[in-house]
Amino acid sequence: MGASGSGKTSLLNILGERLDVSAGCKVTKEVRANNVPVLKGDFGKLGAFVMQDDILIETMTPLESFCFAARLRTNLSEERVTLKA
């Protein structure tokens, strides 16, 4: 993807509209997904990314971590969040 300092995290911050970390930052862009314009606030409907310093609860399984994140990020019912294998 590129060497350290090549702008990978900056690009993800721009796409995810996490620009408030840089005061005075101004970006002009057109983002498209499958050639359809992605409007402001729509990135969360298409994807998400975990920042490098994000902390996971090490006692949770991957499934528990995903369910926990879904409960925080969505308004899905408990039945929709909890998938039984």
PDB file of N, CA and C in Angstrom:
ATOM      1  N   MET A   1       0.812  -1.188   0.000  1.00  0.00           N
ATOM      2  CA  MET A   1       0.000   0.000   0.000  1.00  0.00           C
ATOM      3  C   MET A   1       0.858   1.255   0.000  1.00  0.00           C
ATOM      4  N   GLY A   2       2.029   1.174   0.504  1.00  0.00           N
ATOM      5  CA  GLY A   2       2.871   2.361   0.535  1.00  0.00           C
ATOM      6  C   GLY A   2       3.690   2.405   1.805  1.00  0.00           C
ATOM      7  N   ALA A   3       4.780   3.117   1.724  1.00  0.00           N
ATOM      8  CA  ALA A   3       5.681   3.236   2.869  1.00  0.00           C
ATOM      9  C   ALA A   3       5.065   4.110   3.954  1.00  0.00           C
ATOM     10  N   SER A   4       5.651   4.061   5.112  1.00  0.00           N
ATOM     11  CA  SER A   4       5.224   4.919   6.208  1.00  0.00           C
ATOM     12  C   SER A   4       5.329   6.377   5.789  1.00  0.00           C
ATOM     13  N   GLY A   5       4.271   7.146   6.061  1.00  0.00           N
ATOM     14  CA  GLY A   5       4.277   8.562   5.712  1.00  0.00           C
ATOM     15  C   GLY A   5       3.786   8.864   4.307  1.00  0.00           C
ATOM     16  N   SER A   6       3.276   7.848   3.603  1.00  0.00           N
ATOM     17  CA  SER A   6       2.830   8.077   2.222  1.00  0.00           C
ATOM     18  C   SER A   6       1.400   8.590   2.118  1.00  0.00           C
ATOM     19  N   GLY A   7       0.694   8.693   3.244  1.00  0.00           N
ATOM     20  CA  GLY A   7      -0.630   9.310   3.230  1.00  0.00           C
ATOM     21  C   GLY A   7      -1.809   8.365   3.328  1.00  0.00           C
ATOM     22  N   LYS A   8      -1.571   7.099   3.650  1.00  0.00           N
ATOM     23  CA  LYS A   8      -2.669   6.135   3.742  1.00  0.00           C
ATOM     24  C   LYS A   8      -3.682   6.548   4.799  1.00  0.00           C
ATOM     25  N   THR A   9      -3.233   6.862   5.992  1.00  0.00           N
ATOM     26  CA  THR A   9      -4.128   7.258   7.075  1.00  0.00           C
ATOM     27  C   THR A   9      -4.797   8.587   6.772  1.00  0.00           C
ATOM     28  N   SER A  10      -4.071   9.503   6.159  1.00  0.00           N
ATOM     29  CA  SER A  10      -4.674  10.786   5.780  1.00  0.00           C
ATOM     30  C   SER A  10      -5.819  10.578   4.800  1.00  0.00           C
ATOM     31  N   LEU A  11      -5.631   9.696   3.822  1.00  0.00           N
ATOM     32  CA  LEU A  11      -6.694   9.414   2.858  1.00  0.00           C
ATOM     33  C   LEU A  11      -7.916   8.830   3.564  1.00  0.00           C
ATOM     34  N   LEU A  12      -7.709   7.878   4.461  1.00  0.00           N
ATOM     35  CA  LEU A  12      -8.833   7.288   5.184  1.00  0.00           C
ATOM     36  C   LEU A  12      -9.527   8.319   6.066  1.00  0.00           C
ATOM     37  N   ASN A  13      -8.770   9.216   6.677  1.00  0.00           N
ATOM     38  CA  ASN A  13      -9.373  10.283   7.481  1.00  0.00           C
ATOM     39  C   ASN A  13     -10.217  11.208   6.611  1.00  0.00           C
ATOM     40  N   ILE A  14      -9.786  11.482   5.410  1.00  0.00           N
ATOM     41  CA  ILE A  14     -10.557  12.323   4.494  1.00  0.00           C
ATOM     42  C   ILE A  14     -11.840  11.607   4.087  1.00  0.00           C
ATOM     43  N   LEU A  15     -11.716  10.341   3.679  1.00  0.00           N
ATOM     44  CA  LEU A  15     -12.901   9.588   3.267  1.00  0.00           C
ATOM     45  C   LEU A  15     -13.899   9.427   4.404  1.00  0.00           C
ATOM     46  N   GLY A  16     -13.391   9.177   5.612  1.00  0.00           N
ATOM     47  CA  GLY A  16     -14.249   8.983   6.773  1.00  0.00           C
ATOM     48  C   GLY A  16     -14.695  10.264   7.441  1.00  0.00           C
ATOM     49  N   GLU A  17     -14.345  11.409   6.832  1.00  0.00           N
ATOM     50  CA  GLU A  17     -14.714  12.728   7.343  1.00  0.00           C
ATOM     51  C   GLU A  17     -14.251  12.935   8.783  1.00  0.00           C
ATOM     52  N   ARG A  18     -13.033  12.499   9.062  1.00  0.00           N
ATOM     53  CA  ARG A  18     -12.416  12.677  10.374  1.00  0.00           C
ATOM     54  C   ARG A  18     -11.352  13.766  10.287  1.00  0.00           C
ATOM     55  N   LEU A  19     -11.721  14.891   9.728  1.00  0.00           N
ATOM     56  CA  LEU A  19     -10.763  15.963   9.490  1.00  0.00           C
ATOM     57  C   LEU A  19     -10.593  16.897  10.672  1.00  0.00           C
ATOM     58  N   ASP A  20     -11.432  16.778  11.677  1.00  0.00           N
ATOM     59  CA  ASP A  20     -11.352  17.702  12.796  1.00  0.00           C
ATOM     60  C   ASP A  20     -10.052  17.546  13.589  1.00  0.00           C
ATOM     61  N   VAL A  21      -9.247  16.546  13.251  1.00  0.00           N
ATOM     62  CA  VAL A  21      -7.959  16.383  13.927  1.00  0.00           C
ATOM     63  C   VAL A  21      -6.937  17.405  13.448  1.00  0.00           C
ATOM     64  N   SER A  22      -7.173  18.021  12.285  1.00  0.00           N
ATOM     65  CA  SER A  22      -6.254  19.006  11.723  1.00  0.00           C
ATOM     66  C   SER A  22      -6.960  20.350  11.618  1.00  0.00           C
ATOM     67  N   ALA A  23      -6.615  21.273  12.491  1.00  0.00           N
ATOM     68  CA  ALA A  23      -7.245  22.587  12.475  1.00  0.00           C
ATOM     69  C   ALA A  23      -6.943  23.306  11.168  1.00  0.00           C
ATOM     70  N   GLY A  24      -7.967  23.918  10.584  1.00  0.00           N
ATOM     71  CA  GLY A  24      -7.784  24.679   9.362  1.00  0.00           C
ATOM     72  C   GLY A  24      -7.641  23.834   8.109  1.00  0.00           C
ATOM     73  N   CYS A  25      -7.853  22.550   8.215  1.00  0.00           N
ATOM     74  CA  CYS A  25      -7.718  21.664   7.064  1.00  0.00           C
ATOM     75  C   CYS A  25      -8.914  21.866   6.125  1.00  0.00           C
ATOM     76  N   LYS A  26      -8.634  21.996   4.837  1.00  0.00           N
ATOM     77  CA  LYS A  26      -9.684  22.155   3.846  1.00  0.00           C
ATOM     78  C   LYS A  26      -9.405  21.180   2.711  1.00  0.00           C
ATOM     79  N   VAL A  27     -10.422  20.407   2.364  1.00  0.00           N
ATOM     80  CA  VAL A  27     -10.268  19.407   1.319  1.00  0.00           C
ATOM     81  C   VAL A  27     -11.396  19.589   0.311  1.00  0.00           C
ATOM     82  N   THR A  28     -11.047  19.600  -0.943  1.00  0.00           N
ATOM     83  CA  THR A  28     -12.054  19.576  -2.006  1.00  0.00           C
ATOM     84  C   THR A  28     -11.888  18.248  -2.714  1.00  0.00           C
ATOM     85  N   LYS A  29     -12.974  17.564  -2.928  1.00  0.00           N
ATOM     86  CA  LYS A  29     -12.886  16.206  -3.465  1.00  0.00           C
ATOM     87  C   LYS A  29     -14.186  15.796  -4.110  1.00  0.00           C
ATOM     88  N   GLU A  30     -14.120  14.750  -4.895  1.00  0.00           N
ATOM     89  CA  GLU A  30     -15.302  14.042  -5.360  1.00  0.00           C
ATOM     90  C   GLU A  30     -15.007  12.574  -5.138  1.00  0.00           C
ATOM     91  N   VAL A  31     -15.797  11.947  -4.298  1.00  0.00           N
ATOM     92  CA  VAL A  31     -15.615  10.531  -3.995  1.00  0.00           C
ATOM     93  C   VAL A  31     -16.731   9.766  -4.681  1.00  0.00           C
ATOM     94  N   ARG A  32     -16.356   8.669  -5.336  1.00  0.00           N
ATOM     95  CA  ARG A  32     -17.344   7.843  -6.023  1.00  0.00           C
ATOM     96  C   ARG A  32     -17.152   6.387  -5.610  1.00  0.00           C
ATOM     97  N   ALA A  33     -18.260   5.672  -5.509  1.00  0.00           N
ATOM     98  CA  ALA A  33     -18.245   4.233  -5.258  1.00  0.00           C
ATOM     99  C   ALA A  33     -19.095   3.591  -6.348  1.00  0.00           C
ATOM    100  N   ASN A  34     -18.514   2.701  -7.123  1.00  0.00           N
ATOM    101  CA  ASN A  34     -19.193   2.110  -8.279  1.00  0.00           C
ATOM    102  C   ASN A  34     -19.717   3.196  -9.208  1.00  0.00           C
ATOM    103  N   ASN A  35     -18.922   4.249  -9.356  1.00  0.00           N
ATOM    104  CA  ASN A  35     -19.208   5.392 -10.220  1.00  0.00           C
ATOM    105  C   ASN A  35     -20.432   6.200  -9.777  1.00  0.00           C
ATOM    106  N   VAL A  36     -20.853   6.038  -8.541  1.00  0.00           N
ATOM    107  CA  VAL A  36     -21.950   6.823  -7.972  1.00  0.00           C
ATOM    108  C   VAL A  36     -21.346   7.777  -6.944  1.00  0.00           C
ATOM    109  N   PRO A  37     -21.658   9.079  -7.036  1.00  0.00           N
ATOM    110  CA  PRO A  37     -21.091  10.019  -6.061  1.00  0.00           C
ATOM    111  C   PRO A  37     -21.475   9.657  -4.621  1.00  0.00           C
ATOM    112  N   VAL A  38     -20.488   9.701  -3.739  1.00  0.00           N
ATOM    113  CA  VAL A  38     -20.714   9.478  -2.312  1.00  0.00           C
ATOM    114  C   VAL A  38     -20.843  10.849  -1.662  1.00  0.00           C
ATOM    115  N   LEU A  39     -22.003  11.124  -1.111  1.00  0.00           N
ATOM    116  CA  LEU A  39     -22.273  12.427  -0.528  1.00  0.00           C
ATOM    117  C   LEU A  39     -21.725  12.515   0.885  1.00  0.00           C
ATOM    118  N   LYS A  40     -21.631  13.726   1.399  1.00  0.00           N
ATOM    119  CA  LYS A  40     -21.142  13.954   2.760  1.00  0.00           C
ATOM    120  C   LYS A  40     -21.985  13.143   3.742  1.00  0.00           C
ATOM    121  N   GLY A  41     -21.342  12.414   4.595  1.00  0.00           N
ATOM    122  CA  GLY A  41     -22.036  11.608   5.592  1.00  0.00           C
ATOM    123  C   GLY A  41     -22.388  10.206   5.138  1.00  0.00           C
ATOM    124  N   ASP A  42     -22.109   9.865   3.880  1.00  0.00           N
ATOM    125  CA  ASP A  42     -22.474   8.545   3.362  1.00  0.00           C
ATOM    126  C   ASP A  42     -21.399   7.480   3.540  1.00  0.00           C
ATOM    127  N   PHE A  43     -20.172   7.865   3.890  1.00  0.00           N
ATOM    128  CA  PHE A  43     -19.095   6.871   3.978  1.00  0.00           C
ATOM    129  C   PHE A  43     -19.445   5.756   4.966  1.00  0.00           C
ATOM    130  N   GLY A  44     -20.078   6.099   6.075  1.00  0.00           N
ATOM    131  CA  GLY A  44     -20.440   5.099   7.082  1.00  0.00           C
ATOM    132  C   GLY A  44     -21.432   4.066   6.575  1.00  0.00           C
ATOM    133  N   LYS A  45     -22.166   4.376   5.507  1.00  0.00           N
ATOM    134  CA  LYS A  45     -23.097   3.416   4.914  1.00  0.00           C
ATOM    135  C   LYS A  45     -22.363   2.414   4.031  1.00  0.00           C
ATOM    136  N   LEU A  46     -21.164   2.789   3.577  1.00  0.00           N
ATOM    137  CA  LEU A  46     -20.404   1.946   2.653  1.00  0.00           C
ATOM    138  C   LEU A  46     -19.315   1.145   3.340  1.00  0.00           C
ATOM    139  N   GLY A  47     -18.754   1.696   4.403  1.00  0.00           N
ATOM    140  CA  GLY A  47     -17.641   1.023   5.039  1.00  0.00           C
ATOM    141  C   GLY A  47     -17.231   1.720   6.312  1.00  0.00           C
ATOM    142  N   ALA A  48     -16.231   1.183   6.929  1.00  0.00           N
ATOM    143  CA  ALA A  48     -15.688   1.755   8.155  1.00  0.00           C
ATOM    144  C   ALA A  48     -14.235   1.328   8.253  1.00  0.00           C
ATOM    145  N   PHE A  49     -13.493   2.040   9.055  1.00  0.00           N
ATOM    146  CA  PHE A  49     -12.119   1.614   9.285  1.00  0.00           C
ATOM    147  C   PHE A  49     -11.776   1.815  10.753  1.00  0.00           C
ATOM    148  N   VAL A  50     -10.856   0.992  11.206  1.00  0.00           N
ATOM    149  CA  VAL A  50     -10.415   1.043  12.590  1.00  0.00           C
ATOM    150  C   VAL A  50      -9.104   1.808  12.618  1.00  0.00           C
ATOM    151  N   MET A  51      -9.055   2.856  13.410  1.00  0.00           N
ATOM    152  CA  MET A  51      -7.829   3.637  13.503  1.00  0.00           C
ATOM    153  C   MET A  51      -6.729   2.794  14.142  1.00  0.00           C
ATOM    154  N   GLN A  52      -5.484   3.143  13.844  1.00  0.00           N
ATOM    155  CA  GLN A  52      -4.351   2.352  14.298  1.00  0.00           C
ATOM    156  C   GLN A  52      -4.295   2.190  15.807  1.00  0.00           C
ATOM    157  N   ASP A  53      -4.695   3.202  16.533  1.00  0.00           N
ATOM    158  CA  ASP A  53      -4.582   3.139  17.983  1.00  0.00           C
ATOM    159  C   ASP A  53      -5.869   2.693  18.659  1.00  0.00           C
ATOM    160  N   ASP A  54      -6.792   2.105  17.875  1.00  0.00           N
ATOM    161  CA  ASP A  54      -8.034   1.626  18.453  1.00  0.00           C
ATOM    162  C   ASP A  54      -7.728   0.460  19.394  1.00  0.00           C
ATOM    163  N   ILE A  55      -8.472   0.371  20.451  1.00  0.00           N
ATOM    164  CA  ILE A  55      -8.232  -0.670  21.450  1.00  0.00           C
ATOM    165  C   ILE A  55      -9.359  -1.691  21.386  1.00  0.00           C
ATOM    166  N   LEU A  56      -8.979  -2.952  21.262  1.00  0.00           N
ATOM    167  CA  LEU A  56      -9.944  -4.039  21.292  1.00  0.00           C
ATOM    168  C   LEU A  56      -9.887  -4.691  22.667  1.00  0.00           C
ATOM    169  N   ILE A  57     -11.014  -5.192  23.089  1.00  0.00           N
ATOM    170  CA  ILE A  57     -11.058  -5.897  24.377  1.00  0.00           C
ATOM    171  C   ILE A  57     -10.521  -7.305  24.136  1.00  0.00           C
ATOM    172  N   GLU A  58      -9.374  -7.589  24.708  1.00  0.00           N
ATOM    173  CA  GLU A  58      -8.668  -8.832  24.371  1.00  0.00           C
ATOM    174  C   GLU A  58      -9.370 -10.091  24.856  1.00  0.00           C
ATOM    175  N   THR A  59     -10.326  -9.980  25.743  1.00  0.00           N
ATOM    176  CA  THR A  59     -11.033 -11.172  26.211  1.00  0.00           C
ATOM    177  C   THR A  59     -12.227 -11.508  25.322  1.00  0.00           C
ATOM    178  N   MET A  60     -12.546 -10.658  24.352  1.00  0.00           N
ATOM    179  CA  MET A  60     -13.670 -10.918  23.444  1.00  0.00           C
ATOM    180  C   MET A  60     -13.199 -11.709  22.231  1.00  0.00           C
ATOM    181  N   THR A  61     -14.073 -12.576  21.748  1.00  0.00           N
ATOM    182  CA  THR A  61     -13.813 -13.272  20.489  1.00  0.00           C
ATOM    183  C   THR A  61     -14.055 -12.284  19.346  1.00  0.00           C
ATOM    184  N   PRO A  62     -13.587 -12.592  18.129  1.00  0.00           N
ATOM    185  CA  PRO A  62     -13.886 -11.703  17.002  1.00  0.00           C
ATOM    186  C   PRO A  62     -15.389 -11.467  16.813  1.00  0.00           C
ATOM    187  N   LEU A  63     -16.214 -12.513  16.947  1.00  0.00           N
ATOM    188  CA  LEU A  63     -17.667 -12.361  16.804  1.00  0.00           C
ATOM    189  C   LEU A  63     -18.220 -11.414  17.869  1.00  0.00           C
ATOM    190  N   GLU A  64     -17.775 -11.570  19.104  1.00  0.00           N
ATOM    191  CA  GLU A  64     -18.232 -10.677  20.171  1.00  0.00           C
ATOM    192  C   GLU A  64     -17.822  -9.234  19.903  1.00  0.00           C
ATOM    193  N   SER A  65     -16.621  -9.040  19.365  1.00  0.00           N
ATOM    194  CA  SER A  65     -16.156  -7.687  19.036  1.00  0.00           C
ATOM    195  C   SER A  65     -17.010  -7.062  17.945  1.00  0.00           C
ATOM    196  N   PHE A  66     -17.343  -7.842  16.906  1.00  0.00           N
ATOM    197  CA  PHE A  66     -18.197  -7.327  15.830  1.00  0.00           C
ATOM    198  C   PHE A  66     -19.596  -6.998  16.349  1.00  0.00           C
ATOM    199  N   CYS A  67     -20.154  -7.861  17.182  1.00  0.00           N
ATOM    200  CA  CYS A  67     -21.489  -7.602  17.744  1.00  0.00           C
ATOM    201  C   CYS A  67     -21.472  -6.361  18.624  1.00  0.00           C
ATOM    202  N   PHE A  68     -20.439  -6.204  19.419  1.00  0.00           N
ATOM    203  CA  PHE A  68     -20.304  -5.027  20.273  1.00  0.00           C
ATOM    204  C   PHE A  68     -20.256  -3.756  19.422  1.00  0.00           C
ATOM    205  N   ALA A  69     -19.458  -3.782  18.354  1.00  0.00           N
ATOM    206  CA  ALA A  69     -19.353  -2.628  17.462  1.00  0.00           C
ATOM    207  C   ALA A  69     -20.694  -2.344  16.778  1.00  0.00           C
ATOM    208  N   ALA A  70     -21.414  -3.400  16.377  1.00  0.00           N
ATOM    209  CA  ALA A  70     -22.716  -3.216  15.718  1.00  0.00           C
ATOM    210  C   ALA A  70     -23.721  -2.581  16.671  1.00  0.00           C
ATOM    211  N   ARG A  71     -23.671  -2.969  17.933  1.00  0.00           N
ATOM    212  CA  ARG A  71     -24.590  -2.369  18.911  1.00  0.00           C
ATOM    213  C   ARG A  71     -24.306  -0.881  19.087  1.00  0.00           C
ATOM    214  N   LEU A  72     -23.044  -0.492  19.008  1.00  0.00           N
ATOM    215  CA  LEU A  72     -22.681   0.915  19.159  1.00  0.00           C
ATOM    216  C   LEU A  72     -23.010   1.738  17.922  1.00  0.00           C
ATOM    217  N   ARG A  73     -22.845   1.141  16.731  1.00  0.00           N
ATOM    218  CA  ARG A  73     -22.935   1.909  15.486  1.00  0.00           C
ATOM    219  C   ARG A  73     -24.290   1.855  14.801  1.00  0.00           C
ATOM    220  N   THR A  74     -25.156   0.924  15.193  1.00  0.00           N
ATOM    221  CA  THR A  74     -26.426   0.765  14.484  1.00  0.00           C
ATOM    222  C   THR A  74     -27.589   0.794  15.461  1.00  0.00           C
ATOM    223  N   ASN A  75     -28.781   0.822  14.902  1.00  0.00           N
ATOM    224  CA  ASN A  75     -29.983   0.715  15.725  1.00  0.00           C
ATOM    225  C   ASN A  75     -30.685  -0.615  15.470  1.00  0.00           C
ATOM    226  N   LEU A  76     -29.914  -1.615  15.068  1.00  0.00           N
ATOM    227  CA  LEU A  76     -30.476  -2.938  14.817  1.00  0.00           C
ATOM    228  C   LEU A  76     -30.956  -3.585  16.113  1.00  0.00           C
ATOM    229  N   SER A  77     -31.957  -4.431  15.989  1.00  0.00           N
ATOM    230  CA  SER A  77     -32.452  -5.153  17.165  1.00  0.00           C
ATOM    231  C   SER A  77     -31.395  -6.163  17.619  1.00  0.00           C
ATOM    232  N   GLU A  78     -31.538  -6.604  18.852  1.00  0.00           N
ATOM    233  CA  GLU A  78     -30.594  -7.587  19.398  1.00  0.00           C
ATOM    234  C   GLU A  78     -30.599  -8.870  18.569  1.00  0.00           C
ATOM    235  N   GLU A  79     -31.764  -9.253  18.053  1.00  0.00           N
ATOM    236  CA  GLU A  79     -31.848 -10.450  17.233  1.00  0.00           C
ATOM    237  C   GLU A  79     -31.058 -10.308  15.930  1.00  0.00           C
ATOM    238  N   ARG A  80     -31.067  -9.107  15.337  1.00  0.00           N
ATOM    239  CA  ARG A  80     -30.329  -8.885  14.086  1.00  0.00           C
ATOM    240  C   ARG A  80     -28.824  -8.808  14.345  1.00  0.00           C
ATOM    241  N   VAL A  81     -28.437  -8.282  15.508  1.00  0.00           N
ATOM    242  CA  VAL A  81     -27.008  -8.140  15.807  1.00  0.00           C
ATOM    243  C   VAL A  81     -26.407  -9.489  16.156  1.00  0.00           C
ATOM    244  N   THR A  82     -27.092 -10.279  16.935  1.00  0.00           N
ATOM    245  CA  THR A  82     -26.569 -11.549  17.404  1.00  0.00           C
ATOM    246  C   THR A  82     -26.885 -12.627  16.378  1.00  0.00           C
ATOM    247  N   LEU A  83     -25.848 -13.060  15.674  1.00  0.00           N
ATOM    248  CA  LEU A  83     -26.008 -14.110  14.681  1.00  0.00           C
ATOM    249  C   LEU A  83     -25.647 -15.450  15.302  1.00  0.00           C
ATOM    250  N   LYS A  84     -26.516 -16.375  15.187  1.00  0.00           N
ATOM    251  CA  LYS A  84     -26.249 -17.715  15.720  1.00  0.00           C
ATOM    252  C   LYS A  84     -25.671 -18.573  14.587  1.00  0.00           C
ATOM    253  N   ALA A  85     -24.537 -19.201  14.867  1.00  0.00           N
ATOM    254  CA  ALA A  85     -23.863 -20.018  13.845  1.00  0.00           C
ATOM    255  C   ALA A  85     -24.561 -21.342  13.676  1.00  0.00           C
TER     256      ALA A  85
END
